[in-house]
Amino acid sequence: MDVAASGYHKHLESINAELVDVNHRLERLYDALETSKLELSDLTPRIQVLRQRQDQLQSAKEELEDKFADRKVDLFYTIPLPHDGTVHDRAEVPSIVQLGSAYRIRTNDLRVMNSMS
């Protein structure tokens, strides 16, 4: 994983951790409201602030995931190289030219020609 991907991953982890915290806080406020420990007028401003933060974090998470997904597409294919690091100058792709037809093989190898007779 490169440095940028590592940075994305760490940032995504921090966003997820904060989202968990905000969701937990909202649950506690809703519990306090349901058990009538506090009045709705007391909790409304705090719930609104937490919901706004929740929306901001969710948007940041989606944006970061989109950037990371785009980066994965950009980095998807790399040219395979030999393990020892050597680079070959000769062509490694075999010829696709077909010699002969489906019924007969055309070759310059006399051994093959003699075996066909």
PDB file of N, CA and C in Angstrom:
ATOM      1  N   MET A   1       0.858  -1.168   0.000  1.00  0.00           N
ATOM      2  CA  MET A   1       0.000   0.000   0.000  1.00  0.00           C
ATOM      3  C   MET A   1       0.903   1.230   0.000  1.00  0.00           C
ATOM      4  N   ASP A   2       0.626   2.183  -0.870  1.00  0.00           N
ATOM      5  CA  ASP A   2       1.466   3.366  -0.930  1.00  0.00           C
ATOM      6  C   ASP A   2       1.082   4.371   0.158  1.00  0.00           C
ATOM      7  N   VAL A   3       1.832   5.445   0.237  1.00  0.00           N
ATOM      8  CA  VAL A   3       1.648   6.434   1.313  1.00  0.00           C
ATOM      9  C   VAL A   3       0.278   7.093   1.238  1.00  0.00           C
ATOM     10  N   ALA A   4      -0.169   7.433   0.023  1.00  0.00           N
ATOM     11  CA  ALA A   4      -1.478   8.085  -0.122  1.00  0.00           C
ATOM     12  C   ALA A   4      -2.600   7.158   0.324  1.00  0.00           C
ATOM     13  N   ALA A   5      -2.520   5.898  -0.055  1.00  0.00           N
ATOM     14  CA  ALA A   5      -3.544   4.934   0.342  1.00  0.00           C
ATOM     15  C   ALA A   5      -3.546   4.748   1.845  1.00  0.00           C
ATOM     16  N   SER A   6      -2.374   4.740   2.441  1.00  0.00           N
ATOM     17  CA  SER A   6      -2.273   4.622   3.899  1.00  0.00           C
ATOM     18  C   SER A   6      -2.923   5.829   4.574  1.00  0.00           C
ATOM     19  N   GLY A   7      -2.701   7.011   4.005  1.00  0.00           N
ATOM     20  CA  GLY A   7      -3.322   8.230   4.542  1.00  0.00           C
ATOM     21  C   GLY A   7      -4.828   8.190   4.428  1.00  0.00           C
ATOM     22  N   TYR A   8      -5.339   7.727   3.267  1.00  0.00           N
ATOM     23  CA  TYR A   8      -6.780   7.582   3.090  1.00  0.00           C
ATOM     24  C   TYR A   8      -7.351   6.615   4.131  1.00  0.00           C
ATOM     25  N   HIS A   9      -6.657   5.513   4.319  1.00  0.00           N
ATOM     26  CA  HIS A   9      -7.128   4.480   5.249  1.00  0.00           C
ATOM     27  C   HIS A   9      -7.183   5.026   6.681  1.00  0.00           C
ATOM     28  N   LYS A  10      -6.160   5.740   7.102  1.00  0.00           N
ATOM     29  CA  LYS A  10      -6.142   6.313   8.462  1.00  0.00           C
ATOM     30  C   LYS A  10      -7.236   7.358   8.631  1.00  0.00           C
ATOM     31  N   HIS A  11      -7.422   8.184   7.610  1.00  0.00           N
ATOM     32  CA  HIS A  11      -8.460   9.212   7.682  1.00  0.00           C
ATOM     33  C   HIS A  11      -9.844   8.571   7.740  1.00  0.00           C
ATOM     34  N   LEU A  12     -10.047   7.518   6.958  1.00  0.00           N
ATOM     35  CA  LEU A  12     -11.321   6.796   6.960  1.00  0.00           C
ATOM     36  C   LEU A  12     -11.578   6.154   8.321  1.00  0.00           C
ATOM     37  N   GLU A  13     -10.549   5.606   8.931  1.00  0.00           N
ATOM     38  CA  GLU A  13     -10.698   5.026  10.269  1.00  0.00           C
ATOM     39  C   GLU A  13     -11.106   6.081  11.284  1.00  0.00           C
ATOM     40  N   SER A  14     -10.499   7.268  11.219  1.00  0.00           N
ATOM     41  CA  SER A  14     -10.856   8.318  12.172  1.00  0.00           C
ATOM     42  C   SER A  14     -12.290   8.804  11.957  1.00  0.00           C
ATOM     43  N   ILE A  15     -12.717   8.891  10.696  1.00  0.00           N
ATOM     44  CA  ILE A  15     -14.103   9.285  10.402  1.00  0.00           C
ATOM     45  C   ILE A  15     -15.068   8.240  10.951  1.00  0.00           C
ATOM     46  N   ASN A  16     -14.763   6.965  10.725  1.00  0.00           N
ATOM     47  CA  ASN A  16     -15.628   5.895  11.234  1.00  0.00           C
ATOM     48  C   ASN A  16     -15.698   5.905  12.751  1.00  0.00           C
ATOM     49  N   ALA A  17     -14.581   6.153  13.408  1.00  0.00           N
ATOM     50  CA  ALA A  17     -14.566   6.205  14.875  1.00  0.00           C
ATOM     51  C   ALA A  17     -15.425   7.364  15.382  1.00  0.00           C
ATOM     52  N   GLU A  18     -15.319   8.516  14.736  1.00  0.00           N
ATOM     53  CA  GLU A  18     -16.123   9.658  15.158  1.00  0.00           C
ATOM     54  C   GLU A  18     -17.605   9.431  14.861  1.00  0.00           C
ATOM     55  N   LEU A  19     -17.915   8.766  13.755  1.00  0.00           N
ATOM     56  CA  LEU A  19     -19.305   8.439  13.451  1.00  0.00           C
ATOM     57  C   LEU A  19     -19.896   7.525  14.518  1.00  0.00           C
ATOM     58  N   VAL A  20     -19.133   6.545  14.952  1.00  0.00           N
ATOM     59  CA  VAL A  20     -19.594   5.652  16.019  1.00  0.00           C
ATOM     60  C   VAL A  20     -19.875   6.457  17.281  1.00  0.00           C
ATOM     61  N   ASP A  21     -18.977   7.395  17.603  1.00  0.00           N
ATOM     62  CA  ASP A  21     -19.150   8.223  18.795  1.00  0.00           C
ATOM     63  C   ASP A  21     -20.404   9.094  18.687  1.00  0.00           C
ATOM     64  N   VAL A  22     -20.603   9.728  17.538  1.00  0.00           N
ATOM     65  CA  VAL A  22     -21.788  10.589  17.342  1.00  0.00           C
ATOM     66  C   VAL A  22     -23.061   9.757  17.432  1.00  0.00           C
ATOM     67  N   ASN A  23     -23.066   8.590  16.806  1.00  0.00           N
ATOM     68  CA  ASN A  23     -24.256   7.729  16.875  1.00  0.00           C
ATOM     69  C   ASN A  23     -24.552   7.295  18.306  1.00  0.00           C
ATOM     70  N   HIS A  24     -23.508   6.993  19.056  1.00  0.00           N
ATOM     71  CA  HIS A  24     -23.679   6.608  20.464  1.00  0.00           C
ATOM     72  C   HIS A  24     -24.258   7.768  21.282  1.00  0.00           C
ATOM     73  N   ARG A  25     -23.765   8.960  21.028  1.00  0.00           N
ATOM     74  CA  ARG A  25     -24.291  10.143  21.747  1.00  0.00           C
ATOM     75  C   ARG A  25     -25.758  10.386  21.412  1.00  0.00           C
ATOM     76  N   LEU A  26     -26.097  10.234  20.131  1.00  0.00           N
ATOM     77  CA  LEU A  26     -27.497  10.407  19.740  1.00  0.00           C
ATOM     78  C   LEU A  26     -28.387   9.367  20.407  1.00  0.00           C
ATOM     79  N   GLU A  27     -27.930   8.134  20.459  1.00  0.00           N
ATOM     80  CA  GLU A  27     -28.705   7.087  21.130  1.00  0.00           C
ATOM     81  C   GLU A  27     -28.949   7.434  22.598  1.00  0.00           C
ATOM     82  N   ARG A  28     -27.926   7.939  23.277  1.00  0.00           N
ATOM     83  CA  ARG A  28     -28.094   8.307  24.696  1.00  0.00           C
ATOM     84  C   ARG A  28     -29.096   9.434  24.857  1.00  0.00           C
ATOM     85  N   LEU A  29     -29.063  10.417  23.937  1.00  0.00           N
ATOM     86  CA  LEU A  29     -30.025  11.514  24.014  1.00  0.00           C
ATOM     87  C   LEU A  29     -31.442  11.015  23.745  1.00  0.00           C
ATOM     88  N   TYR A  30     -31.598  10.130  22.771  1.00  0.00           N
ATOM     89  CA  TYR A  30     -32.913   9.573  22.486  1.00  0.00           C
ATOM     90  C   TYR A  30     -33.430   8.755  23.674  1.00  0.00           C
ATOM     91  N   ASP A  31     -32.526   8.008  24.320  1.00  0.00           N
ATOM     92  CA  ASP A  31     -32.915   7.250  25.511  1.00  0.00           C
ATOM     93  C   ASP A  31     -33.379   8.186  26.626  1.00  0.00           C
ATOM     94  N   ALA A  32     -32.644   9.280  26.813  1.00  0.00           N
ATOM     95  CA  ALA A  32     -33.025  10.249  27.843  1.00  0.00           C
ATOM     96  C   ALA A  32     -34.385  10.866  27.536  1.00  0.00           C
ATOM     97  N   LEU A  33     -34.643  11.089  26.264  1.00  0.00           N
ATOM     98  CA  LEU A  33     -35.928  11.645  25.852  1.00  0.00           C
ATOM     99  C   LEU A  33     -37.057  10.641  26.070  1.00  0.00           C
ATOM    100  N   GLU A  34     -36.815   9.375  25.688  1.00  0.00           N
ATOM    101  CA  GLU A  34     -37.837   8.340  25.826  1.00  0.00           C
ATOM    102  C   GLU A  34     -38.158   8.025  27.288  1.00  0.00           C
ATOM    103  N   THR A  35     -37.175   8.115  28.147  1.00  0.00           N
ATOM    104  CA  THR A  35     -37.403   7.819  29.564  1.00  0.00           C
ATOM    105  C   THR A  35     -37.863   9.043  30.338  1.00  0.00           C
ATOM    106  N   SER A  36     -38.078  10.142  29.638  1.00  0.00           N
ATOM    107  CA  SER A  36     -38.569  11.401  30.229  1.00  0.00           C
ATOM    108  C   SER A  36     -37.611  11.977  31.265  1.00  0.00           C
ATOM    109  N   LYS A  37     -36.329  11.683  31.135  1.00  0.00           N
ATOM    110  CA  LYS A  37     -35.346  12.285  32.045  1.00  0.00           C
ATOM    111  C   LYS A  37     -35.115  13.745  31.701  1.00  0.00           C
ATOM    112  N   LEU A  38     -35.245  14.064  30.397  1.00  0.00           N
ATOM    113  CA  LEU A  38     -35.079  15.442  29.935  1.00  0.00           C
ATOM    114  C   LEU A  38     -36.213  15.787  28.979  1.00  0.00           C
ATOM    115  N   GLU A  39     -36.473  17.058  28.831  1.00  0.00           N
ATOM    116  CA  GLU A  39     -37.534  17.537  27.945  1.00  0.00           C
ATOM    117  C   GLU A  39     -36.995  17.714  26.525  1.00  0.00           C
ATOM    118  N   LEU A  40     -37.898  17.602  25.561  1.00  0.00           N
ATOM    119  CA  LEU A  40     -37.532  17.758  24.160  1.00  0.00           C
ATOM    120  C   LEU A  40     -36.906  19.123  23.900  1.00  0.00           C
ATOM    121  N   SER A  41     -37.415  20.151  24.514  1.00  0.00           N
ATOM    122  CA  SER A  41     -36.869  21.498  24.306  1.00  0.00           C
ATOM    123  C   SER A  41     -35.423  21.591  24.789  1.00  0.00           C
ATOM    124  N   ASP A  42     -35.068  20.787  25.794  1.00  0.00           N
ATOM    125  CA  ASP A  42     -33.692  20.778  26.291  1.00  0.00           C
ATOM    126  C   ASP A  42     -32.748  20.037  25.331  1.00  0.00           C
ATOM    127  N   LEU A  43     -33.262  18.997  24.682  1.00  0.00           N
ATOM    128  CA  LEU A  43     -32.422  18.138  23.843  1.00  0.00           C
ATOM    129  C   LEU A  43     -32.367  18.558  22.381  1.00  0.00           C
ATOM    130  N   THR A  44     -33.355  19.297  21.919  1.00  0.00           N
ATOM    131  CA  THR A  44     -33.436  19.634  20.500  1.00  0.00           C
ATOM    132  C   THR A  44     -32.176  20.292  19.948  1.00  0.00           C
ATOM    133  N   PRO A  45     -31.625  21.314  20.592  1.00  0.00           N
ATOM    134  CA  PRO A  45     -30.411  21.937  20.027  1.00  0.00           C
ATOM    135  C   PRO A  45     -29.233  20.954  19.929  1.00  0.00           C
ATOM    136  N   ARG A  46     -29.062  20.142  20.950  1.00  0.00           N
ATOM    137  CA  ARG A  46     -27.942  19.187  20.945  1.00  0.00           C
ATOM    138  C   ARG A  46     -28.146  18.099  19.886  1.00  0.00           C
ATOM    139  N   ILE A  47     -29.375  17.639  19.724  1.00  0.00           N
ATOM    140  CA  ILE A  47     -29.668  16.634  18.695  1.00  0.00           C
ATOM    141  C   ILE A  47     -29.401  17.212  17.308  1.00  0.00           C
ATOM    142  N   GLN A  48     -29.792  18.463  17.089  1.00  0.00           N
ATOM    143  CA  GLN A  48     -29.557  19.098  15.794  1.00  0.00           C
ATOM    144  C   GLN A  48     -28.060  19.209  15.487  1.00  0.00           C
ATOM    145  N   VAL A  49     -27.271  19.598  16.481  1.00  0.00           N
ATOM    146  CA  VAL A  49     -25.818  19.713  16.297  1.00  0.00           C
ATOM    147  C   VAL A  49     -25.215  18.347  15.967  1.00  0.00           C
ATOM    148  N   LEU A  50     -25.629  17.325  16.698  1.00  0.00           N
ATOM    149  CA  LEU A  50     -25.093  15.991  16.451  1.00  0.00           C
ATOM    150  C   LEU A  50     -25.521  15.442  15.094  1.00  0.00           C
ATOM    151  N   ARG A  51     -26.740  15.717  14.691  1.00  0.00           N
ATOM    152  CA  ARG A  51     -27.199  15.263  13.374  1.00  0.00           C
ATOM    153  C   ARG A  51     -26.427  15.966  12.251  1.00  0.00           C
ATOM    154  N   GLN A  52     -26.167  17.260  12.430  1.00  0.00           N
ATOM    155  CA  GLN A  52     -25.376  17.980  11.430  1.00  0.00           C
ATOM    156  C   GLN A  52     -23.966  17.389  11.332  1.00  0.00           C
ATOM    157  N   ARG A  53     -23.368  17.102  12.497  1.00  0.00           N
ATOM    158  CA  ARG A  53     -22.036  16.496  12.499  1.00  0.00           C
ATOM    159  C   ARG A  53     -22.071  15.104  11.870  1.00  0.00           C
ATOM    160  N   GLN A  54     -23.131  14.361  12.133  1.00  0.00           N
ATOM    161  CA  GLN A  54     -23.301  13.038  11.556  1.00  0.00           C
ATOM    162  C   GLN A  54     -23.375  13.131  10.020  1.00  0.00           C
ATOM    163  N   ASP A  55     -24.138  14.098   9.511  1.00  0.00           N
ATOM    164  CA  ASP A  55     -24.243  14.300   8.060  1.00  0.00           C
ATOM    165  C   ASP A  55     -22.896  14.699   7.449  1.00  0.00           C
ATOM    166  N   GLN A  56     -22.165  15.584   8.137  1.00  0.00           N
ATOM    167  CA  GLN A  56     -20.847  16.003   7.656  1.00  0.00           C
ATOM    168  C   GLN A  56     -19.888  14.816   7.581  1.00  0.00           C
ATOM    169  N   LEU A  57     -19.893  14.021   8.623  1.00  0.00           N
ATOM    170  CA  LEU A  57     -19.001  12.857   8.659  1.00  0.00           C
ATOM    171  C   LEU A  57     -19.375  11.838   7.590  1.00  0.00           C
ATOM    172  N   GLN A  58     -20.664  11.626   7.408  1.00  0.00           N
ATOM    173  CA  GLN A  58     -21.106  10.675   6.389  1.00  0.00           C
ATOM    174  C   GLN A  58     -20.714  11.150   4.997  1.00  0.00           C
ATOM    175  N   SER A  59     -20.865  12.447   4.740  1.00  0.00           N
ATOM    176  CA  SER A  59     -20.457  13.002   3.441  1.00  0.00           C
ATOM    177  C   SER A  59     -18.955  12.878   3.237  1.00  0.00           C
ATOM    178  N   ALA A  60     -18.187  13.186   4.279  1.00  0.00           N
ATOM    179  CA  ALA A  60     -16.726  13.067   4.189  1.00  0.00           C
ATOM    180  C   ALA A  60     -16.308  11.626   3.952  1.00  0.00           C
ATOM    181  N   LYS A  61     -16.991  10.694   4.616  1.00  0.00           N
ATOM    182  CA  LYS A  61     -16.688   9.268   4.445  1.00  0.00           C
ATOM    183  C   LYS A  61     -16.964   8.829   3.011  1.00  0.00           C
ATOM    184  N   GLU A  62     -18.117   9.208   2.472  1.00  0.00           N
ATOM    185  CA  GLU A  62     -18.467   8.826   1.101  1.00  0.00           C
ATOM    186  C   GLU A  62     -17.497   9.437   0.093  1.00  0.00           C
ATOM    187  N   GLU A  63     -17.130  10.700   0.307  1.00  0.00           N
ATOM    188  CA  GLU A  63     -16.183  11.366  -0.586  1.00  0.00           C
ATOM    189  C   GLU A  63     -14.820  10.676  -0.554  1.00  0.00           C
ATOM    190  N   LEU A  64     -14.372  10.331   0.629  1.00  0.00           N
ATOM    191  CA  LEU A  64     -13.093   9.651   0.777  1.00  0.00           C
ATOM    192  C   LEU A  64     -13.123   8.259   0.161  1.00  0.00           C
ATOM    193  N   GLU A  65     -14.230   7.545   0.354  1.00  0.00           N
ATOM    194  CA  GLU A  65     -14.363   6.222  -0.256  1.00  0.00           C
ATOM    195  C   GLU A  65     -14.373   6.314  -1.780  1.00  0.00           C
ATOM    196  N   ASP A  66     -15.022   7.356  -2.320  1.00  0.00           N
ATOM    197  CA  ASP A  66     -15.034   7.550  -3.770  1.00  0.00           C
ATOM    198  C   ASP A  66     -13.632   7.834  -4.294  1.00  0.00           C
ATOM    199  N   LYS A  67     -12.894   8.702  -3.593  1.00  0.00           N
ATOM    200  CA  LYS A  67     -11.521   8.998  -3.999  1.00  0.00           C
ATOM    201  C   LYS A  67     -10.653   7.751  -3.929  1.00  0.00           C
ATOM    202  N   PHE A  68     -10.840   6.974  -2.876  1.00  0.00           N
ATOM    203  CA  PHE A  68     -10.046   5.757  -2.712  1.00  0.00           C
ATOM    204  C   PHE A  68     -10.413   4.740  -3.782  1.00  0.00           C
ATOM    205  N   ALA A  69     -11.693   4.644  -4.128  1.00  0.00           N
ATOM    206  CA  ALA A  69     -12.120   3.719  -5.182  1.00  0.00           C
ATOM    207  C   ALA A  69     -11.551   4.143  -6.527  1.00  0.00           C
ATOM    208  N   ASP A  70     -11.561   5.457  -6.807  1.00  0.00           N
ATOM    209  CA  ASP A  70     -10.978   5.958  -8.050  1.00  0.00           C
ATOM    210  C   ASP A  70      -9.485   5.665  -8.098  1.00  0.00           C
ATOM    211  N   ARG A  71      -8.833   5.795  -6.963  1.00  0.00           N
ATOM    212  CA  ARG A  71      -7.392   5.534  -6.895  1.00  0.00           C
ATOM    213  C   ARG A  71      -7.112   4.056  -7.142  1.00  0.00           C
ATOM    214  N   LYS A  72      -7.961   3.177  -6.631  1.00  0.00           N
ATOM    215  CA  LYS A  72      -7.784   1.750  -6.870  1.00  0.00           C
ATOM    216  C   LYS A  72      -7.900   1.439  -8.353  1.00  0.00           C
ATOM    217  N   VAL A  73      -8.812   2.110  -9.046  1.00  0.00           N
ATOM    218  CA  VAL A  73      -8.958   1.888 -10.482  1.00  0.00           C
ATOM    219  C   VAL A  73      -7.693   2.351 -11.198  1.00  0.00           C
ATOM    220  N   ASP A  74      -7.154   3.496 -10.795  1.00  0.00           N
ATOM    221  CA  ASP A  74      -5.939   4.008 -11.420  1.00  0.00           C
ATOM    222  C   ASP A  74      -4.753   3.078 -11.200  1.00  0.00           C
ATOM    223  N   LEU A  75      -4.683   2.457 -10.043  1.00  0.00           N
ATOM    224  CA  LEU A  75      -3.549   1.612  -9.706  1.00  0.00           C
ATOM    225  C   LEU A  75      -3.813   0.128  -9.968  1.00  0.00           C
ATOM    226  N   PHE A  76      -4.878  -0.164 -10.719  1.00  0.00           N
ATOM    227  CA  PHE A  76      -5.296  -1.584 -10.824  1.00  0.00           C
ATOM    228  C   PHE A  76      -4.271  -2.477 -11.510  1.00  0.00           C
ATOM    229  N   TYR A  77      -3.733  -2.072 -12.654  1.00  0.00           N
ATOM    230  CA  TYR A  77      -2.862  -2.967 -13.399  1.00  0.00           C
ATOM    231  C   TYR A  77      -1.431  -2.451 -13.392  1.00  0.00           C
ATOM    232  N   THR A  78      -0.507  -3.327 -13.104  1.00  0.00           N
ATOM    233  CA  THR A  78       0.910  -3.023 -13.224  1.00  0.00           C
ATOM    234  C   THR A  78       1.546  -4.097 -14.084  1.00  0.00           C
ATOM    235  N   ILE A  79       2.556  -3.732 -14.802  1.00  0.00           N
ATOM    236  CA  ILE A  79       3.238  -4.675 -15.673  1.00  0.00           C
ATOM    237  C   ILE A  79       4.044  -5.632 -14.816  1.00  0.00           C
ATOM    238  N   PRO A  80       3.823  -6.936 -14.983  1.00  0.00           N
ATOM    239  CA  PRO A  80       4.578  -7.889 -14.181  1.00  0.00           C
ATOM    240  C   PRO A  80       6.042  -7.908 -14.612  1.00  0.00           C
ATOM    241  N   LEU A  81       6.926  -7.866 -13.656  1.00  0.00           N
ATOM    242  CA  LEU A  81       8.359  -7.908 -13.908  1.00  0.00           C
ATOM    243  C   LEU A  81       8.941  -9.146 -13.257  1.00  0.00           C
ATOM    244  N   PRO A  82      10.068  -9.625 -13.777  1.00  0.00           N
ATOM    245  CA  PRO A  82      10.708 -10.779 -13.144  1.00  0.00           C
ATOM    246  C   PRO A  82      11.098 -10.461 -11.704  1.00  0.00           C
ATOM    247  N   HIS A  83      11.124 -11.483 -10.861  1.00  0.00           N
ATOM    248  CA  HIS A  83      11.431 -11.289  -9.448  1.00  0.00           C
ATOM    249  C   HIS A  83      12.855 -10.803  -9.217  1.00  0.00           C
ATOM    250  N   ASP A  84      13.771 -11.158 -10.122  1.00  0.00           N
ATOM    251  CA  ASP A  84      15.160 -10.763  -9.913  1.00  0.00           C
ATOM    252  C   ASP A  84      15.453  -9.352 -10.398  1.00  0.00           C
ATOM    253  N   GLY A  85      14.470  -8.686 -11.004  1.00  0.00           N
ATOM    254  CA  GLY A  85      14.629  -7.298 -11.417  1.00  0.00           C
ATOM    255  C   GLY A  85      15.244  -7.119 -12.792  1.00  0.00           C
ATOM    256  N   THR A  86      15.583  -8.190 -13.488  1.00  0.00           N
ATOM    257  CA  THR A  86      16.170  -8.065 -14.815  1.00  0.00           C
ATOM    258  C   THR A  86      15.094  -7.749 -15.838  1.00  0.00           C
ATOM    259  N   VAL A  87      15.486  -7.026 -16.853  1.00  0.00           N
ATOM    260  CA  VAL A  87      14.574  -6.657 -17.930  1.00  0.00           C
ATOM    261  C   VAL A  87      15.121  -7.267 -19.212  1.00  0.00           C
ATOM    262  N   HIS A  88      14.284  -7.965 -19.965  1.00  0.00           N
ATOM    263  CA  HIS A  88      14.704  -8.602 -21.206  1.00  0.00           C
ATOM    264  C   HIS A  88      14.386  -7.692 -22.376  1.00  0.00           C
ATOM    265  N   ASP A  89      15.352  -7.573 -23.313  1.00  0.00           N
ATOM    266  CA  ASP A  89      15.156  -6.725 -24.479  1.00  0.00           C
ATOM    267  C   ASP A  89      14.447  -7.441 -25.618  1.00  0.00           C
ATOM    268  N   ARG A  90      14.414  -8.753 -25.596  1.00  0.00           N
ATOM    269  CA  ARG A  90      13.823  -9.486 -26.698  1.00  0.00           C
ATOM    270  C   ARG A  90      12.307  -9.596 -26.507  1.00  0.00           C
ATOM    271  N   ALA A  91      11.623  -9.818 -27.622  1.00  0.00           N
ATOM    272  CA  ALA A  91      10.167  -9.938 -27.586  1.00  0.00           C
ATOM    273  C   ALA A  91       9.785 -11.253 -26.920  1.00  0.00           C
ATOM    274  N   GLU A  92       8.841 -11.213 -25.992  1.00  0.00           N
ATOM    275  CA  GLU A  92       8.407 -12.394 -25.264  1.00  0.00           C
ATOM    276  C   GLU A  92       7.072 -12.939 -25.786  1.00  0.00           C
ATOM    277  N   VAL A  93       6.458 -12.227 -26.717  1.00  0.00           N
ATOM    278  CA  VAL A  93       5.151 -12.630 -27.211  1.00  0.00           C
ATOM    279  C   VAL A  93       5.339 -13.531 -28.421  1.00  0.00           C
ATOM    280  N   PRO A  94       4.773 -14.732 -28.438  1.00  0.00           N
ATOM    281  CA  PRO A  94       4.929 -15.617 -29.589  1.00  0.00           C
ATOM    282  C   PRO A  94       4.150 -15.103 -30.793  1.00  0.00           C
ATOM    283  N   SER A  95       4.578 -15.526 -31.951  1.00  0.00           N
ATOM    284  CA  SER A  95       3.928 -15.127 -33.191  1.00  0.00           C
ATOM    285  C   SER A  95       2.527 -15.733 -33.256  1.00  0.00           C
ATOM    286  N   ILE A  96       1.588 -14.986 -33.848  1.00  0.00           N
ATOM    287  CA  ILE A  96       0.227 -15.501 -33.983  1.00  0.00           C
ATOM    288  C   ILE A  96      -0.069 -15.918 -35.417  1.00  0.00           C
ATOM    289  N   VAL A  97       0.964 -15.923 -36.258  1.00  0.00           N
ATOM    290  CA  VAL A  97       0.785 -16.299 -37.653  1.00  0.00           C
ATOM    291  C   VAL A  97       0.638 -17.809 -37.728  1.00  0.00           C
ATOM    292  N   GLN A  98      -0.421 -18.268 -38.391  1.00  0.00           N
ATOM    293  CA  GLN A  98      -0.662 -19.703 -38.543  1.00  0.00           C
ATOM    294  C   GLN A  98       0.001 -20.179 -39.828  1.00  0.00           C
ATOM    295  N   LEU A  99       0.826 -21.204 -39.703  1.00  0.00           N
ATOM    296  CA  LEU A  99       1.465 -21.789 -40.869  1.00  0.00           C
ATOM    297  C   LEU A  99       0.629 -22.974 -41.326  1.00  0.00           C
ATOM    298  N   GLY A 100       0.197 -22.947 -42.562  1.00  0.00           N
ATOM    299  CA  GLY A 100      -0.596 -24.047 -43.086  1.00  0.00           C
ATOM    300  C   GLY A 100      -2.077 -23.806 -42.904  1.00  0.00           C
ATOM    301  N   SER A 101      -2.846 -24.873 -43.110  1.00  0.00           N
ATOM    302  CA  SER A 101      -4.289 -24.781 -42.977  1.00  0.00           C
ATOM    303  C   SER A 101      -4.747 -25.732 -41.882  1.00  0.00           C
ATOM    304  N   ALA A 102      -6.038 -25.887 -41.750  1.00  0.00           N
ATOM    305  CA  ALA A 102      -6.570 -26.772 -40.724  1.00  0.00           C
ATOM    306  C   ALA A 102      -6.260 -28.237 -41.040  1.00  0.00           C
ATOM    307  N   TYR A 103      -6.010 -28.541 -42.327  1.00  0.00           N
ATOM    308  CA  TYR A 103      -5.765 -29.931 -42.736  1.00  0.00           C
ATOM    309  C   TYR A 103      -4.283 -30.269 -42.884  1.00  0.00           C
ATOM    310  N   ARG A 104      -3.476 -29.287 -42.965  1.00  0.00           N
ATOM    311  CA  ARG A 104      -2.075 -29.541 -43.231  1.00  0.00           C
ATOM    312  C   ARG A 104      -1.208 -28.529 -42.494  1.00  0.00           C
ATOM    313  N   ILE A 105      -0.084 -28.970 -42.004  1.00  0.00           N
ATOM    314  CA  ILE A 105       0.844 -28.095 -41.291  1.00  0.00           C
ATOM    315  C   ILE A 105       1.983 -27.742 -42.233  1.00  0.00           C
ATOM    316  N   ARG A 106       2.286 -26.480 -42.302  1.00  0.00           N
ATOM    317  CA  ARG A 106       3.418 -26.050 -43.101  1.00  0.00           C
ATOM    318  C   ARG A 106       4.583 -25.783 -42.152  1.00  0.00           C
ATOM    319  N   THR A 107       5.695 -26.418 -42.395  1.00  0.00           N
ATOM    320  CA  THR A 107       6.849 -26.259 -41.533  1.00  0.00           C
ATOM    321  C   THR A 107       8.123 -26.430 -42.343  1.00  0.00           C
ATOM    322  N   ASN A 108       9.193 -25.912 -41.846  1.00  0.00           N
ATOM    323  CA  ASN A 108      10.496 -26.077 -42.473  1.00  0.00           C
ATOM    324  C   ASN A 108      11.276 -27.214 -41.822  1.00  0.00           C
ATOM    325  N   ASP A 109      10.700 -27.818 -40.808  1.00  0.00           N
ATOM    326  CA  ASP A 109      11.367 -28.908 -40.095  1.00  0.00           C
ATOM    327  C   ASP A 109      11.162 -30.207 -40.880  1.00  0.00           C
ATOM    328  N   LEU A 110      12.236 -30.749 -41.402  1.00  0.00           N
ATOM    329  CA  LEU A 110      12.143 -31.951 -42.232  1.00  0.00           C
ATOM    330  C   LEU A 110      11.664 -33.161 -41.446  1.00  0.00           C
ATOM    331  N   ARG A 111      11.967 -33.228 -40.180  1.00  0.00           N
ATOM    332  CA  ARG A 111      11.511 -34.365 -39.373  1.00  0.00           C
ATOM    333  C   ARG A 111       9.988 -34.424 -39.332  1.00  0.00           C
ATOM    334  N   VAL A 112       9.357 -33.278 -39.177  1.00  0.00           N
ATOM    335  CA  VAL A 112       7.900 -33.210 -39.141  1.00  0.00           C
ATOM    336  C   VAL A 112       7.337 -33.543 -40.507  1.00  0.00           C
ATOM    337  N   MET A 113       7.956 -33.029 -41.569  1.00  0.00           N
ATOM    338  CA  MET A 113       7.478 -33.281 -42.921  1.00  0.00           C
ATOM    339  C   MET A 113       7.569 -34.776 -43.257  1.00  0.00           C
ATOM    340  N   ASN A 114       8.649 -35.425 -42.868  1.00  0.00           N
ATOM    341  CA  ASN A 114       8.818 -36.842 -43.144  1.00  0.00           C
ATOM    342  C   ASN A 114       7.851 -37.707 -42.346  1.00  0.00           C
ATOM    343  N   SER A 115       7.516 -37.295 -41.153  1.00  0.00           N
ATOM    344  CA  SER A 115       6.603 -38.084 -40.333  1.00  0.00           C
ATOM    345  C   SER A 115       5.173 -37.995 -40.847  1.00  0.00           C
ATOM    346  N   MET A 116       4.860 -36.963 -41.590  1.00  0.00           N
ATOM    347  CA  MET A 116       3.513 -36.772 -42.121  1.00  0.00           C
ATOM    348  C   MET A 116       3.289 -37.618 -43.364  1.00  0.00           C
ATOM    349  N   SER A 117       4.346 -38.072 -44.038  1.00  0.00           N
ATOM    350  CA  SER A 117       4.206 -38.813 -45.288  1.00  0.00           C
ATOM    351  C   SER A 117       3.764 -40.223 -45.082  1.00  0.00           C
TER     352      SER A 117
END
